[in-house]
Amino acid sequence: MMQEIFIRSDDRNNWLRLDDDNLFQSCRHEFFKAQGRGGQKRNKTSNAIRLTFIPNGITVTDCSGRSQHQNRAIALNRLRSEIAMQVRSNEIPEVPADMSIKNPDYPLWIARIMDLLDHNSFDLKPVAETMGISRSRLLKLLTRDKVLWQFMNQCREKLGLPPLKAS
């Protein structure tokens, strides 16, 4: 188990189910001028955003869009993903075999997968068996989300395991 890497909280599922406004209310937010390429709009307006989730201190930043509203929406999605990847629940959940990345419950699916991976020391075979799918199918599901894939391999590295190769 990787308790030193992850934050533990039984509130995680509730946080992931919050709508955008309530999640935003749970954050310290800061708008600032982004640096780098992008011309006048990027360098002269405070449209970049940094969100810090108050309950556990997870921070995300976004400056990819031209408007504050667009960057806020992207940052909230990133925050949900970070909560899902970094916060573990103490219960071992049932996980549906597949979920669309566009599904609003996708961050909750990620969180449950990460719970199973953490519980099984990042060994994919028992996780796949628990989900009722093959190891290769689980591998394909994980590789479709680049951020999740990188985070999972970082966790494996901290455990002294070799990184998984995408199929």
Protein backbone atom coordinates (compact mmCIF):
# COMPACT_ATOMS: atom_id res chain seq x y z
CA MET A 1 0.00 0.00 0.00
CA MET A 2 1.23 3.49 -0.79
CA GLN A 3 -0.04 5.54 2.14
CA GLU A 4 2.98 7.84 2.03
CA ILE A 5 2.18 8.88 -1.56
CA PHE A 6 -1.57 9.28 -1.40
CA ILE A 7 -3.92 11.40 0.66
CA ARG A 8 -6.59 9.34 2.45
CA SER A 9 -10.14 10.68 2.72
CA ASP A 10 -13.59 9.19 2.88
CA ASP A 11 -14.93 12.49 1.48
CA ARG A 12 -13.27 11.95 -1.90
CA ASN A 13 -16.34 10.58 -3.69
CA ASN A 14 -18.43 13.53 -2.50
CA TRP A 15 -15.78 15.96 -3.72
CA LEU A 16 -15.75 14.32 -7.15
CA ARG A 17 -19.55 14.59 -7.40
CA LEU A 18 -19.62 18.34 -6.71
CA ASP A 19 -20.87 20.52 -9.57
CA ASP A 20 -18.47 23.13 -10.97
CA ASP A 21 -19.78 26.01 -8.84
CA ASN A 22 -19.55 24.13 -5.55
CA LEU A 23 -16.12 22.72 -6.41
CA PHE A 24 -14.95 26.24 -7.31
CA GLN A 25 -16.31 27.51 -3.96
CA SER A 26 -14.14 24.87 -2.22
CA CYS A 27 -10.99 26.34 -3.74
CA ARG A 28 -8.73 29.30 -3.25
CA HIS A 29 -8.45 30.83 -6.69
CA GLU A 30 -6.06 33.27 -8.24
CA PHE A 31 -6.23 34.80 -11.70
CA PHE A 32 -2.94 36.01 -13.16
CA LYS A 33 -1.24 37.00 -16.40
CA ALA A 34 0.24 34.02 -18.19
CA GLN A 35 3.79 34.08 -19.46
CA GLY A 36 5.08 32.95 -22.82
CA ARG A 37 3.86 32.93 -26.40
CA GLY A 38 0.37 34.05 -27.25
CA GLY A 39 0.51 37.75 -27.96
CA GLN A 40 -1.31 40.63 -26.33
CA LYS A 41 -4.31 38.71 -25.07
CA ARG A 42 -2.17 36.27 -23.11
CA ASN A 43 0.39 38.73 -21.77
CA LYS A 44 -1.89 41.66 -20.91
CA THR A 45 -4.98 40.10 -19.35
CA SER A 46 -5.31 38.06 -16.17
CA ASN A 47 -6.99 35.04 -17.73
CA ALA A 48 -4.77 32.25 -16.33
CA ILE A 49 -6.06 30.55 -13.19
CA ARG A 50 -4.57 28.68 -10.24
CA LEU A 51 -6.95 26.64 -8.08
CA THR A 52 -5.97 25.25 -4.68
CA PHE A 53 -8.44 22.76 -3.26
CA ILE A 54 -8.81 23.84 0.39
CA PRO A 55 -9.57 20.41 1.99
CA ASN A 56 -6.25 18.86 0.91
CA GLY A 57 -4.09 21.48 -0.83
CA ILE A 58 -4.08 19.97 -4.34
CA THR A 59 -3.22 22.74 -6.80
CA VAL A 60 -3.83 22.97 -10.56
CA THR A 61 -3.16 25.73 -13.06
CA ASP A 62 -4.48 26.44 -16.54
CA CYS A 63 -3.71 29.13 -19.09
CA SER A 64 -4.51 27.26 -22.31
CA GLY A 65 -7.54 29.30 -23.39
CA ARG A 66 -8.11 32.94 -24.16
CA SER A 67 -10.81 33.54 -21.56
CA GLN A 68 -11.01 33.25 -17.79
CA HIS A 69 -14.23 31.26 -18.10
CA GLN A 70 -12.69 28.67 -20.43
CA ASN A 71 -9.54 28.34 -18.29
CA ARG A 72 -11.67 27.98 -15.13
CA ALA A 73 -13.63 25.08 -16.67
CA ILE A 74 -10.44 23.31 -17.79
CA ALA A 75 -8.80 23.86 -14.38
CA LEU A 76 -11.84 22.40 -12.59
CA ASN A 77 -11.66 19.28 -14.80
CA ARG A 78 -7.93 18.97 -14.05
CA LEU A 79 -8.65 19.37 -10.35
CA ARG A 80 -11.18 16.54 -10.45
CA SER A 81 -8.61 14.31 -12.16
CA GLU A 82 -5.93 15.20 -9.60
CA ILE A 83 -8.28 14.49 -6.70
CA ALA A 84 -9.19 11.16 -8.32
CA MET A 85 -5.55 10.19 -8.76
CA GLN A 86 -4.14 11.44 -5.46
CA VAL A 87 -6.88 10.85 -2.87
CA ARG A 88 -7.54 7.27 -1.79
CA SER A 89 -10.60 5.89 -0.07
CA ASN A 90 -10.28 3.25 2.64
CA GLU A 91 -12.94 1.04 1.10
CA ILE A 92 -12.32 -1.20 -1.90
CA PRO A 93 -14.94 -0.31 -4.50
CA GLU A 94 -16.65 -2.16 -7.29
CA VAL A 95 -15.55 -0.70 -10.58
CA PRO A 96 -17.42 -0.88 -13.89
CA ALA A 97 -15.34 -2.50 -16.62
CA ASP A 98 -15.35 0.59 -18.84
CA MET A 99 -16.32 4.24 -18.78
CA SER A 100 -16.17 6.95 -21.42
CA ILE A 101 -13.69 9.75 -20.79
CA LYS A 102 -16.51 12.21 -21.52
CA ASN A 103 -18.79 10.71 -18.84
CA PRO A 104 -19.21 13.10 -15.87
CA ASP A 105 -18.46 10.16 -13.53
CA TYR A 106 -15.10 9.46 -15.22
CA PRO A 107 -13.05 11.05 -12.37
CA LEU A 108 -14.86 8.77 -9.91
CA TRP A 109 -14.01 5.79 -12.15
CA ILE A 110 -10.34 6.87 -12.14
CA ALA A 111 -10.43 7.14 -8.34
CA ARG A 112 -11.82 3.64 -8.00
CA ILE A 113 -9.25 2.20 -10.40
CA MET A 114 -6.49 3.92 -8.42
CA ASP A 115 -7.94 2.50 -5.18
CA LEU A 116 -7.76 -1.00 -6.65
CA LEU A 117 -4.25 -0.45 -8.01
CA ASP A 118 -3.06 0.88 -4.65
CA HIS A 119 -4.67 -2.03 -2.80
CA ASN A 120 -2.94 -4.51 -5.16
CA SER A 121 0.49 -2.80 -5.13
CA PHE A 122 -0.01 -1.69 -8.75
CA ASP A 123 -0.19 -5.24 -10.08
CA LEU A 124 -2.62 -5.11 -13.01
CA LYS A 125 -3.58 -8.78 -13.09
CA PRO A 126 -5.61 -8.90 -9.82
CA VAL A 127 -7.17 -5.51 -10.64
CA ALA A 128 -8.31 -6.78 -14.04
CA GLU A 129 -9.68 -9.96 -12.45
CA THR A 130 -11.63 -7.92 -9.89
CA MET A 131 -13.10 -5.85 -12.73
CA GLY A 132 -13.91 -8.95 -14.79
CA ILE A 133 -11.74 -7.98 -17.75
CA SER A 134 -8.40 -9.11 -19.15
CA ARG A 135 -5.10 -7.49 -18.18
CA SER A 136 -4.60 -6.27 -21.76
CA ARG A 137 -8.06 -4.66 -21.77
CA LEU A 138 -7.25 -2.86 -18.52
CA LEU A 139 -3.95 -1.72 -20.02
CA LYS A 140 -5.81 -0.26 -23.02
CA LEU A 141 -8.26 1.56 -20.73
CA LEU A 142 -5.42 3.10 -18.77
CA THR A 143 -3.35 4.17 -21.79
CA ARG A 144 -6.17 6.24 -23.31
CA ASP A 145 -5.71 8.86 -20.56
CA LYS A 146 -2.12 10.17 -20.80
CA VAL A 147 -2.19 11.97 -17.44
CA LEU A 148 -3.50 8.88 -15.63
CA TRP A 149 -0.94 6.69 -17.42
CA GLN A 150 1.97 8.94 -16.40
CA PHE A 151 0.73 9.20 -12.81
CA MET A 152 0.31 5.42 -12.54
CA ASN A 153 3.83 4.81 -13.84
CA GLN A 154 5.22 7.38 -11.38
CA CYS A 155 3.50 5.47 -8.55
CA ARG A 156 4.98 2.20 -9.83
CA GLU A 157 8.43 3.81 -9.96
CA LYS A 158 8.12 4.95 -6.32
CA LEU A 159 7.39 1.32 -5.42
CA GLY A 160 10.50 0.17 -7.29
CA LEU A 161 8.45 -1.40 -10.10
CA PRO A 162 9.30 -0.96 -13.77
CA PRO A 163 7.04 1.33 -15.82
CA LEU A 164 4.38 -0.34 -17.91
CA LYS A 165 4.71 -0.13 -21.67
CA ALA A 166 1.71 0.93 -23.74
CA SER A 167 0.47 -1.76 -26.08
